[in-house]
Amino acid sequence: MARNVYCDQELGSGDDDGTSWINAYRVLATALNGTNVVADDILWVKGDFLTSGAVTLSGVATFTTDPPQVIACKSATSATPPAQSDLIPGLRTGQSVLAYDDADAPTLTVTTAGADIIVNGYMQMYGLVLKAQDNFDLAVSEAVLFIEECEIRSGDGETGTFRVGTTSGGIPSYAHLKNSKISGGTSGQVSGNSRSPRVLFEKCIFDIPQSGMIRVGSSAWIVDGCDFSAQSVAILADAGGTTPESTLKFNNCKIHASSALTTGSISEKFRAEFTHTSSATGKTTGQSFREVDIITDNGTIVEETTRFRTDGANDGGSGSWALAFTPNINGTRDNREGLIGPKMAIEVVGDGTAQTLTIFIANSSASTDYDDDEVWLVVKSPSEAGTADYDYYTTQMDLLATPSVVTDDTGSTWGSGANNHQKLSVSLSPDYNGMIECWVVFAKNFGASPHTLYVDPLPVLS
């Protein structure tokens, strides 16, 4: 049966057995030694932790389907698990936070120069800040590690490396890092080894200035929706001299404009694929670039590949990434419909509170803004009626009404290009949690030379 276990180094008394907040463990490594926290347990962590030497955090030692969870919270107000309001803001909400940096976050700091933090076993970690004076090691052996909304500082911002591998003789398994920030020093890297597990980096921020920032080991690594733009590096990724076969896939990532992607070290043993990540800068043999077009009789929608931002695309005015709509509606072709864009989604907490969903747009060359019969937003949202159903909304002009100008995006919230910036917004008050889906329809007649509409594919709730 699942247990709640508690850890608070700032506690000055108690039994130090983790059975309640008043008897919480006072050393994080003691709580996470693979025995005190076992399968299916939840470890609630509060306060800051200091250790003078290397520290190992171990969950369940062998593979299991019920990993313990290590969850950060703000307070220890009672002997029961904290309420949602006591969790770190944004923690485990499903939103793409992208970087964990909160003043209330529990922090483990190694104070001795050259000392490591090693995380192994099978566990899930949420909302912690971990600072190693030297290296940060994920030792995944016959296990799975899931790290979400954490901040990892290898070398505490100085010289350390973030290493993902297995212990000697271990069986490679799986690591998943999501919505987290990973930083290191001038000689630091994100590196695998010859027994490296499969790794997924999802919506993470990397701040490591070393060339060859990503050095894959002997497995398959996927880097999805991550941001590498904080540092300009001569080489983003390389094989690290690895002998076994390895694969590295980047998808929807943002890199610094001055960074090359890889070097000639790519071979049949090391394959790198970049999708919607960069232009051909640094392109070498073995890389694969793809551009996805949606082509119909009504026009085309192109996912431009110049640059992608994980927190929203730039507008087309600066040559960066967006959904680019070019309809076939013109004076020489009849019977064309509006060009319907791909679905975009965002999670909503439905408690009846009024919220506004917004999509930002820009146009290619129009001297005036678009009207609501030329471009509009369609939204499918959890119902306001308190039932497990959906409501639909649209900003499209009513059939018998007079067209109105779509609202200006004053100050250009999205991007800084020269195009006219507007926003499509609907108000909604869903009564239950769920996913909102929305899509843009472009139906403007420009004659023989249709314009291109740029859409930021990031729905915003406010």
Protein backbone atom coordinates (compact mmCIF):
# COMPACT_ATOMS: atom_id res chain seq x y z
CA MET A 1 0.00 0.00 0.00
CA ALA A 2 1.22 3.50 -0.84
CA ARG A 3 2.71 5.48 2.04
CA ASN A 4 3.38 9.18 2.52
CA VAL A 5 6.95 9.82 3.65
CA TYR A 6 8.26 13.24 4.71
CA CYS A 7 11.66 14.99 4.51
CA ASP A 8 12.54 18.42 5.95
CA GLN A 9 16.16 19.30 6.76
CA GLU A 10 15.08 22.55 8.41
CA LEU A 11 13.33 20.52 11.11
CA GLY A 12 15.17 20.73 14.45
CA SER A 13 13.56 17.85 16.34
CA GLY A 14 11.46 14.73 15.96
CA ASP A 15 12.03 11.03 15.44
CA ASP A 16 13.72 11.42 12.03
CA ASP A 17 11.78 8.46 10.64
CA GLY A 18 9.72 10.13 7.90
CA THR A 19 6.35 9.10 9.30
CA SER A 20 5.00 12.67 9.54
CA TRP A 21 6.09 16.29 9.09
CA ILE A 22 7.00 16.56 12.76
CA ASN A 23 9.08 13.36 12.52
CA ALA A 24 10.39 13.96 9.00
CA TYR A 25 13.73 12.72 7.71
CA ARG A 26 16.25 15.54 7.89
CA VAL A 27 18.63 14.25 5.21
CA LEU A 28 17.33 13.76 1.68
CA ALA A 29 19.86 11.02 0.88
CA THR A 30 18.73 9.11 3.99
CA ALA A 31 15.13 9.21 2.84
CA LEU A 32 16.11 8.14 -0.67
CA ASN A 33 18.36 5.20 0.06
CA GLY A 34 16.27 2.59 -1.72
CA THR A 35 14.97 1.20 1.57
CA ASN A 36 13.23 3.97 3.47
CA VAL A 37 11.24 4.92 0.37
CA VAL A 38 10.02 1.90 -1.58
CA ALA A 39 7.75 1.14 -4.50
CA ASP A 40 4.55 3.19 -4.68
CA ASP A 41 5.61 5.58 -1.85
CA ILE A 42 5.30 9.37 -2.10
CA LEU A 43 8.15 11.38 -0.55
CA TRP A 44 7.14 14.99 0.24
CA VAL A 45 10.21 17.27 0.35
CA LYS A 46 10.48 20.70 1.98
CA GLY A 47 13.37 23.06 2.71
CA ASP A 48 16.98 23.33 1.60
CA PHE A 49 19.58 20.57 1.97
CA LEU A 50 23.34 20.93 2.20
CA THR A 51 25.92 18.16 2.03
CA SER A 52 29.69 18.52 2.22
CA GLY A 53 30.47 15.60 -0.07
CA ALA A 54 29.13 13.55 -2.94
CA VAL A 55 25.58 12.31 -2.45
CA THR A 56 23.58 9.43 -3.94
CA LEU A 57 19.79 9.50 -4.22
CA SER A 58 18.45 5.99 -4.77
CA GLY A 59 14.90 4.92 -5.37
CA VAL A 60 13.80 1.34 -5.84
CA ALA A 61 16.94 -0.52 -6.86
CA THR A 62 15.39 -2.98 -9.30
CA PHE A 63 12.88 -2.54 -12.07
CA THR A 64 9.31 -2.03 -10.87
CA THR A 65 6.02 -0.77 -12.24
CA ASP A 66 5.24 1.32 -9.13
CA PRO A 67 8.06 3.86 -8.68
CA PRO A 68 8.24 6.13 -5.64
CA GLN A 69 7.49 9.79 -6.30
CA VAL A 70 9.62 12.64 -4.90
CA ILE A 71 7.45 15.76 -4.84
CA ALA A 72 8.47 19.27 -3.79
CA CYS A 73 6.09 21.36 -1.69
CA LYS A 74 6.20 24.78 -0.04
CA SER A 75 5.09 24.08 3.49
CA ALA A 76 4.68 21.45 6.16
CA THR A 77 1.46 22.69 7.69
CA SER A 78 0.16 19.36 8.92
CA ALA A 79 0.95 15.68 9.23
CA THR A 80 -1.14 14.94 6.13
CA PRO A 81 -0.01 15.37 2.53
CA PRO A 82 -0.13 19.02 1.44
CA ALA A 83 -3.06 20.40 -0.47
CA GLN A 84 -2.65 21.46 -4.08
CA SER A 85 -2.13 25.04 -2.89
CA ASP A 86 0.98 23.91 -0.97
CA LEU A 87 2.69 22.49 -4.05
CA ILE A 88 5.18 24.61 -5.94
CA PRO A 89 3.22 26.77 -8.46
CA GLY A 90 2.77 24.97 -11.75
CA LEU A 91 4.00 21.64 -10.41
CA ARG A 92 2.43 18.62 -12.10
CA THR A 93 -0.20 20.69 -13.88
CA GLY A 94 0.59 19.37 -17.34
CA GLN A 95 1.55 22.84 -18.58
CA SER A 96 4.82 23.42 -20.38
CA VAL A 97 6.72 25.39 -17.75
CA LEU A 98 10.01 24.90 -19.64
CA ALA A 99 12.30 25.88 -16.76
CA TYR A 100 11.94 25.27 -13.07
CA ASP A 101 13.08 28.30 -11.09
CA ASP A 102 11.03 29.05 -7.99
CA ALA A 103 12.19 30.70 -4.77
CA ASP A 104 10.26 28.14 -2.75
CA ALA A 105 11.83 25.12 -4.45
CA PRO A 106 13.58 22.64 -2.14
CA THR A 107 17.29 22.71 -3.07
CA LEU A 108 19.98 20.08 -2.56
CA THR A 109 23.46 21.64 -2.73
CA VAL A 110 26.79 19.79 -2.65
CA THR A 111 29.29 22.19 -1.07
CA THR A 112 32.56 20.31 -1.67
CA ALA A 113 34.49 21.10 -4.85
CA GLY A 114 34.68 18.13 -7.20
CA ALA A 115 31.77 16.27 -5.59
CA ASP A 116 28.96 14.64 -7.60
CA ILE A 117 25.24 14.04 -7.26
CA ILE A 118 24.22 10.56 -8.38
CA VAL A 119 20.56 9.66 -8.95
CA ASN A 120 19.76 6.02 -9.55
CA GLY A 121 17.08 3.42 -9.11
CA TYR A 122 13.48 3.72 -10.23
CA MET A 123 11.74 6.93 -9.18
CA GLN A 124 9.90 10.06 -10.27
CA MET A 125 11.10 13.51 -9.17
CA TYR A 126 9.07 16.73 -9.32
CA GLY A 127 10.07 20.30 -8.56
CA LEU A 128 13.55 19.98 -6.99
CA VAL A 129 16.68 22.06 -7.56
CA LEU A 130 19.85 19.91 -7.50
CA LYS A 131 23.30 21.58 -7.46
CA ALA A 132 26.42 19.42 -7.87
CA GLN A 133 29.87 20.96 -7.46
CA ASP A 134 31.16 18.65 -10.16
CA ASN A 135 29.04 16.21 -12.18
CA PHE A 136 25.39 15.21 -12.11
CA ASP A 137 25.00 11.52 -12.90
CA LEU A 138 21.83 9.66 -13.83
CA ALA A 139 22.81 6.05 -13.20
CA VAL A 140 19.93 4.17 -14.76
CA SER A 141 20.43 0.45 -14.22
CA GLU A 142 17.48 -1.94 -14.69
CA ALA A 143 15.31 1.05 -13.91
CA VAL A 144 13.45 4.10 -15.17
CA LEU A 145 13.92 7.70 -14.02
CA PHE A 146 11.34 10.42 -14.63
CA ILE A 147 12.36 14.01 -13.78
CA GLU A 148 9.85 16.83 -14.26
CA GLU A 149 10.00 20.58 -13.51
CA CYS A 150 13.41 20.30 -11.88
CA GLU A 151 16.53 22.40 -12.21
CA ILE A 152 19.87 20.58 -12.49
CA ARG A 153 23.14 22.51 -12.16
CA SER A 154 26.17 20.35 -12.87
CA GLY A 155 29.29 22.04 -11.58
CA ASP A 156 26.89 24.48 -9.86
CA GLY A 157 27.27 26.65 -12.96
CA GLU A 158 31.04 26.04 -13.27
CA THR A 159 32.69 22.94 -14.79
CA GLY A 160 30.47 19.90 -14.35
CA THR A 161 28.95 17.48 -16.83
CA PHE A 162 25.42 16.07 -16.86
CA ARG A 163 26.00 12.34 -17.48
CA VAL A 164 23.40 9.75 -18.39
CA GLY A 165 24.51 6.14 -18.23
CA THR A 166 24.35 2.88 -16.36
CA THR A 167 26.48 1.48 -13.60
CA SER A 168 29.07 -1.12 -14.53
CA GLY A 169 27.36 -4.27 -15.72
CA GLY A 170 23.93 -2.67 -15.50
CA ILE A 171 21.18 -3.20 -18.01
CA PRO A 172 20.44 0.01 -19.96
CA SER A 173 16.91 1.26 -19.44
CA TYR A 174 15.12 4.62 -19.78
CA ALA A 175 15.29 8.23 -18.54
CA HIS A 176 12.73 10.98 -19.23
CA LEU A 177 13.40 14.64 -18.38
CA LYS A 178 10.52 17.06 -18.90
CA ASN A 179 10.00 20.82 -18.38
CA SER A 180 13.38 21.06 -16.66
CA LYS A 181 16.46 23.27 -16.88
CA ILE A 182 19.94 21.80 -17.26
CA SER A 183 23.01 24.01 -16.86
CA GLY A 184 26.74 23.42 -16.67
CA GLY A 185 30.12 25.07 -17.01
CA THR A 186 32.58 25.84 -19.78
CA SER A 187 33.84 22.25 -19.89
CA GLY A 188 30.50 20.60 -19.11
CA GLN A 189 28.35 18.54 -21.46
CA VAL A 190 25.27 16.35 -21.57
CA SER A 191 26.96 13.04 -22.14
CA GLY A 192 26.09 9.36 -22.44
CA ASN A 193 28.37 6.36 -22.12
CA SER A 194 28.82 2.97 -23.78
CA ARG A 195 25.90 1.61 -21.74
CA SER A 196 23.72 4.69 -22.08
CA PRO A 197 19.96 4.17 -21.63
CA ARG A 198 17.32 5.48 -23.96
CA VAL A 199 16.65 9.13 -23.07
CA LEU A 200 13.86 11.59 -23.88
CA PHE A 201 14.45 15.30 -23.20
CA GLU A 202 11.06 17.02 -23.52
CA LYS A 203 10.56 20.82 -23.35
CA CYS A 204 13.80 21.40 -21.45
CA ILE A 205 16.13 24.41 -21.42
CA PHE A 206 19.88 23.83 -21.79
CA ASP A 207 22.43 26.42 -20.68
CA ILE A 208 25.81 24.78 -21.31
CA PRO A 209 28.51 26.73 -23.23
CA GLN A 210 30.69 23.75 -24.17
CA SER A 211 30.98 22.79 -27.83
CA GLY A 212 29.47 19.36 -28.37
CA MET A 213 26.83 20.19 -25.77
CA ILE A 214 24.92 16.96 -26.48
CA ARG A 215 27.15 13.88 -26.69
CA VAL A 216 25.02 10.79 -27.12
CA GLY A 217 26.13 7.38 -25.88
CA SER A 218 25.34 3.99 -27.33
CA SER A 219 21.58 4.29 -27.45
CA ALA A 220 18.71 6.32 -28.93
CA TRP A 221 18.17 9.83 -27.59
CA ILE A 222 15.22 12.04 -28.55
CA VAL A 223 15.31 15.80 -27.89
CA ASP A 224 11.83 17.29 -28.37
CA GLY A 225 10.74 20.92 -28.03
CA CYS A 226 13.93 21.99 -26.20
CA ASP A 227 15.66 25.37 -26.10
CA PHE A 228 19.44 25.60 -26.68
CA SER A 229 19.49 29.30 -27.56
CA ALA A 230 21.11 30.54 -24.33
CA GLN A 231 24.58 29.64 -25.62
CA SER A 232 26.35 29.91 -28.95
CA VAL A 233 28.38 26.72 -29.43
CA ALA A 234 30.57 25.65 -32.33
CA ILE A 235 28.91 22.22 -32.34
CA LEU A 236 25.52 21.40 -30.81
CA ALA A 237 25.83 17.61 -30.94
CA ASP A 238 28.42 14.97 -31.71
CA ALA A 239 29.01 11.26 -31.35
CA GLY A 240 31.66 11.64 -28.67
CA GLY A 241 33.88 9.03 -30.32
CA THR A 242 31.33 6.34 -29.50
CA THR A 243 31.94 2.92 -31.05
CA PRO A 244 28.49 1.29 -30.65
CA GLU A 245 25.67 2.50 -32.86
CA SER A 246 23.68 5.46 -31.61
CA THR A 247 20.86 7.72 -32.80
CA LEU A 248 20.09 11.32 -31.89
CA LYS A 249 16.85 13.01 -32.98
CA PHE A 250 16.05 16.70 -32.50
CA ASN A 251 12.47 17.83 -33.09
CA ASN A 252 10.99 21.34 -32.73
CA CYS A 253 14.04 22.73 -30.94
CA LYS A 254 15.40 26.26 -30.74
CA ILE A 255 19.12 26.82 -31.17
CA HIS A 256 21.36 29.88 -31.20
CA ALA A 257 21.69 31.46 -34.65
CA SER A 258 25.48 31.07 -34.50
CA SER A 259 25.50 27.40 -33.49
CA ALA A 260 26.28 24.64 -35.96
CA LEU A 261 24.37 21.42 -35.49
CA THR A 262 26.97 18.66 -35.83
CA THR A 263 30.38 17.88 -37.26
CA GLY A 264 31.72 15.35 -39.71
CA SER A 265 31.85 12.80 -36.90
CA ILE A 266 28.44 11.62 -38.08
CA SER A 267 28.78 8.18 -39.64
CA GLU A 268 26.84 4.99 -40.14
CA LYS A 269 27.26 4.37 -36.41
CA PHE A 270 25.95 7.80 -35.39
CA ARG A 271 22.85 9.16 -37.09
CA ALA A 272 21.42 12.60 -36.33
CA GLU A 273 18.04 13.87 -37.50
CA PHE A 274 16.85 17.46 -37.15
CA THR A 275 13.17 18.22 -37.76
CA HIS A 276 11.88 21.82 -37.54
CA THR A 277 15.06 22.72 -35.70
CA SER A 278 17.34 24.80 -37.91
CA SER A 279 18.17 25.89 -41.41
CA ALA A 280 21.00 24.13 -43.19
CA THR A 281 23.64 25.83 -41.03
CA GLY A 282 26.19 23.18 -40.13
CA LYS A 283 24.48 20.52 -42.21
CA THR A 284 26.71 17.51 -42.88
CA THR A 285 26.44 14.01 -44.29
CA GLY A 286 24.16 11.81 -42.23
CA GLN A 287 21.75 14.50 -41.12
CA SER A 288 18.12 14.52 -42.16
CA PHE A 289 16.02 17.68 -42.53
CA ARG A 290 12.29 17.61 -43.11
CA GLU A 291 9.64 20.21 -43.82
CA VAL A 292 5.99 19.28 -43.45
CA ASP A 293 3.41 20.86 -45.75
CA ILE A 294 -0.37 20.56 -45.58
CA ILE A 295 -1.53 20.77 -49.20
CA THR A 296 -5.19 20.84 -50.25
CA ASP A 297 -7.23 22.28 -53.13
CA ASN A 298 -7.89 25.24 -50.88
CA GLY A 299 -4.26 26.18 -50.37
CA THR A 300 -1.13 25.24 -48.43
CA ILE A 301 0.00 25.46 -44.81
CA VAL A 302 3.76 25.25 -44.42
CA GLU A 303 5.59 24.55 -41.17
CA GLU A 304 8.61 26.77 -41.76
CA THR A 305 11.89 25.30 -40.54
CA THR A 306 14.13 28.32 -40.10
CA ARG A 307 13.86 28.57 -36.31
CA PHE A 308 11.46 27.15 -33.75
CA ARG A 309 10.78 28.60 -30.31
CA THR A 310 9.48 26.28 -27.62
CA ASP A 311 7.61 29.16 -25.99
CA GLY A 312 5.91 30.26 -29.22
CA ALA A 313 6.97 31.01 -32.76
CA ASN A 314 8.26 34.30 -34.09
CA ASP A 315 6.27 36.04 -36.81
CA GLY A 316 7.17 35.77 -40.46
CA GLY A 317 8.61 39.28 -40.58
CA SER A 318 11.97 38.18 -39.19
CA GLY A 319 12.30 34.97 -41.21
CA SER A 320 11.59 32.63 -38.32
CA TRP A 321 9.11 29.86 -37.58
CA ALA A 322 5.31 29.89 -37.87
CA LEU A 323 2.39 28.18 -39.54
CA ALA A 324 2.24 29.96 -42.91
CA PHE A 325 -1.24 29.92 -44.55
CA THR A 326 -1.45 30.63 -48.29
CA PRO A 327 -4.99 30.05 -49.62
CA ASN A 328 -5.99 29.40 -53.21
CA ILE A 329 -8.90 31.86 -53.00
CA ASN A 330 -8.52 34.46 -55.73
CA GLY A 331 -10.36 36.13 -58.54
CA THR A 332 -9.50 33.53 -61.14
CA ARG A 333 -10.54 30.37 -59.26
CA ASP A 334 -14.03 29.66 -58.01
CA ASN A 335 -15.64 27.36 -55.44
CA ARG A 336 -12.81 27.52 -52.91
CA GLU A 337 -13.31 27.14 -49.18
CA GLY A 338 -11.40 28.69 -46.31
CA LEU A 339 -8.04 27.15 -45.47
CA ILE A 340 -8.42 25.23 -42.19
CA GLY A 341 -5.32 25.00 -40.03
CA PRO A 342 -4.11 22.06 -37.92
CA LYS A 343 -5.47 21.64 -34.42
CA MET A 344 -3.62 23.23 -31.51
CA ALA A 345 -4.24 22.18 -27.91
CA ILE A 346 -3.80 23.39 -24.33
CA GLU A 347 -4.90 21.95 -20.99
CA VAL A 348 -7.45 23.91 -18.96
CA VAL A 349 -8.43 23.72 -15.29
CA GLY A 350 -12.21 23.87 -15.33
CA ASP A 351 -13.59 25.45 -12.16
CA GLY A 352 -16.12 27.81 -13.73
CA THR A 353 -13.70 30.74 -13.72
CA ALA A 354 -13.87 32.99 -16.78
CA GLN A 355 -10.77 32.62 -18.98
CA THR A 356 -9.64 33.97 -22.34
CA LEU A 357 -8.01 31.85 -25.05
CA THR A 358 -5.85 33.79 -27.52
CA ILE A 359 -4.01 32.96 -30.73
CA PHE A 360 -1.62 35.55 -32.22
CA ILE A 361 -1.38 36.17 -35.97
CA ALA A 362 0.44 38.40 -38.46
CA ASN A 363 0.15 38.95 -42.22
CA SER A 364 2.68 39.07 -45.02
CA SER A 365 2.17 42.47 -46.59
CA ALA A 366 -1.33 43.83 -46.05
CA SER A 367 -1.52 47.55 -45.32
CA THR A 368 -4.67 47.05 -43.26
CA ASP A 369 -5.72 44.51 -40.64
CA TYR A 370 -7.89 41.48 -41.39
CA ASP A 371 -11.63 41.39 -40.67
CA ASP A 372 -13.54 38.63 -38.87
CA ASP A 373 -14.95 37.31 -42.16
CA GLU A 374 -11.40 36.86 -43.50
CA VAL A 375 -9.72 35.02 -40.64
CA TRP A 376 -11.26 33.48 -37.53
CA LEU A 377 -10.67 31.06 -34.66
CA VAL A 378 -12.72 27.95 -33.82
CA VAL A 379 -12.49 26.55 -30.28
CA LYS A 380 -13.66 23.24 -28.78
CA SER A 381 -13.61 23.46 -24.96
CA PRO A 382 -14.88 21.44 -21.98
CA SER A 383 -18.49 22.40 -21.31
CA GLU A 384 -19.68 25.30 -19.15
CA ALA A 385 -22.82 23.31 -18.29
CA GLY A 386 -21.11 21.05 -15.77
CA THR A 387 -21.47 18.00 -18.01
CA ALA A 388 -18.79 15.82 -19.60
CA ASP A 389 -19.34 17.41 -22.99
CA TYR A 390 -17.79 20.13 -25.13
CA ASP A 391 -18.82 23.62 -26.17
CA TYR A 392 -17.80 25.28 -29.43
CA TYR A 393 -16.90 28.94 -29.93
CA THR A 394 -15.83 30.99 -32.93
CA THR A 395 -14.71 34.53 -33.70
CA GLN A 396 -16.21 34.32 -37.21
CA MET A 397 -18.59 37.08 -38.28
CA ASP A 398 -22.28 36.26 -37.91
CA LEU A 399 -23.86 35.46 -41.26
CA LEU A 400 -26.00 38.63 -41.49
CA ALA A 401 -23.64 40.95 -39.63
CA THR A 402 -21.20 43.56 -40.89
CA PRO A 403 -17.52 42.55 -40.86
CA SER A 404 -15.45 43.86 -37.96
CA VAL A 405 -11.69 44.35 -37.73
CA VAL A 406 -9.92 41.63 -35.75
CA THR A 407 -8.40 43.04 -32.54
CA ASP A 408 -4.93 44.58 -32.89
CA ASP A 409 -2.09 43.01 -30.94
CA THR A 410 -0.93 46.33 -29.55
CA GLY A 411 2.81 46.28 -28.88
CA SER A 412 3.26 43.04 -30.83
CA THR A 413 3.08 40.39 -28.10
CA TRP A 414 4.22 37.84 -30.67
CA GLY A 415 7.50 38.65 -32.40
CA SER A 416 8.95 41.91 -33.61
CA GLY A 417 8.56 41.69 -37.39
CA ALA A 418 7.11 44.43 -39.56
CA ASN A 419 3.86 42.61 -40.31
CA ASN A 420 0.52 43.72 -38.92
CA HIS A 421 -0.05 41.91 -35.62
CA GLN A 422 -3.53 40.87 -34.47
CA LYS A 423 -5.05 38.40 -32.02
CA LEU A 424 -8.03 36.05 -32.07
CA SER A 425 -9.65 35.60 -28.65
CA VAL A 426 -12.67 33.85 -27.14
CA SER A 427 -13.99 33.95 -23.56
CA LEU A 428 -14.95 30.70 -21.87
CA SER A 429 -15.70 29.33 -18.38
CA PRO A 430 -15.34 25.53 -18.43
CA ASP A 431 -16.67 23.58 -15.47
CA TYR A 432 -14.32 20.60 -15.67
CA ASN A 433 -10.70 19.89 -16.51
CA GLY A 434 -9.67 18.82 -19.97
CA MET A 435 -8.03 19.75 -23.25
CA ILE A 436 -9.02 22.74 -25.36
CA GLU A 437 -8.60 22.26 -29.09
CA CYS A 438 -8.57 25.20 -31.49
CA TRP A 439 -7.78 25.95 -35.13
CA VAL A 440 -7.55 28.96 -37.42
CA VAL A 441 -9.49 29.39 -40.67
CA PHE A 442 -8.14 31.76 -43.35
CA ALA A 443 -10.58 32.75 -46.12
CA LYS A 444 -9.42 36.05 -47.61
CA ASN A 445 -9.78 36.84 -51.32
CA PHE A 446 -6.68 38.76 -52.41
CA GLY A 447 -7.06 38.37 -56.14
CA ALA A 448 -4.35 36.74 -58.20
CA SER A 449 -1.62 37.23 -55.54
CA PRO A 450 -2.83 35.83 -52.22
CA HIS A 451 -1.23 36.93 -49.00
CA THR A 452 0.38 34.61 -46.44
CA LEU A 453 -1.01 34.54 -42.91
CA TYR A 454 1.44 33.67 -40.11
CA VAL A 455 0.00 31.95 -37.04
CA ASP A 456 1.78 31.40 -33.72
CA PRO A 457 0.91 27.76 -32.88
CA LEU A 458 0.86 28.42 -29.14
CA PRO A 459 -2.59 28.89 -27.54
CA VAL A 460 -2.46 31.25 -24.55
CA LEU A 461 -4.90 31.08 -21.61
CA SER A 462 -5.29 34.10 -19.36
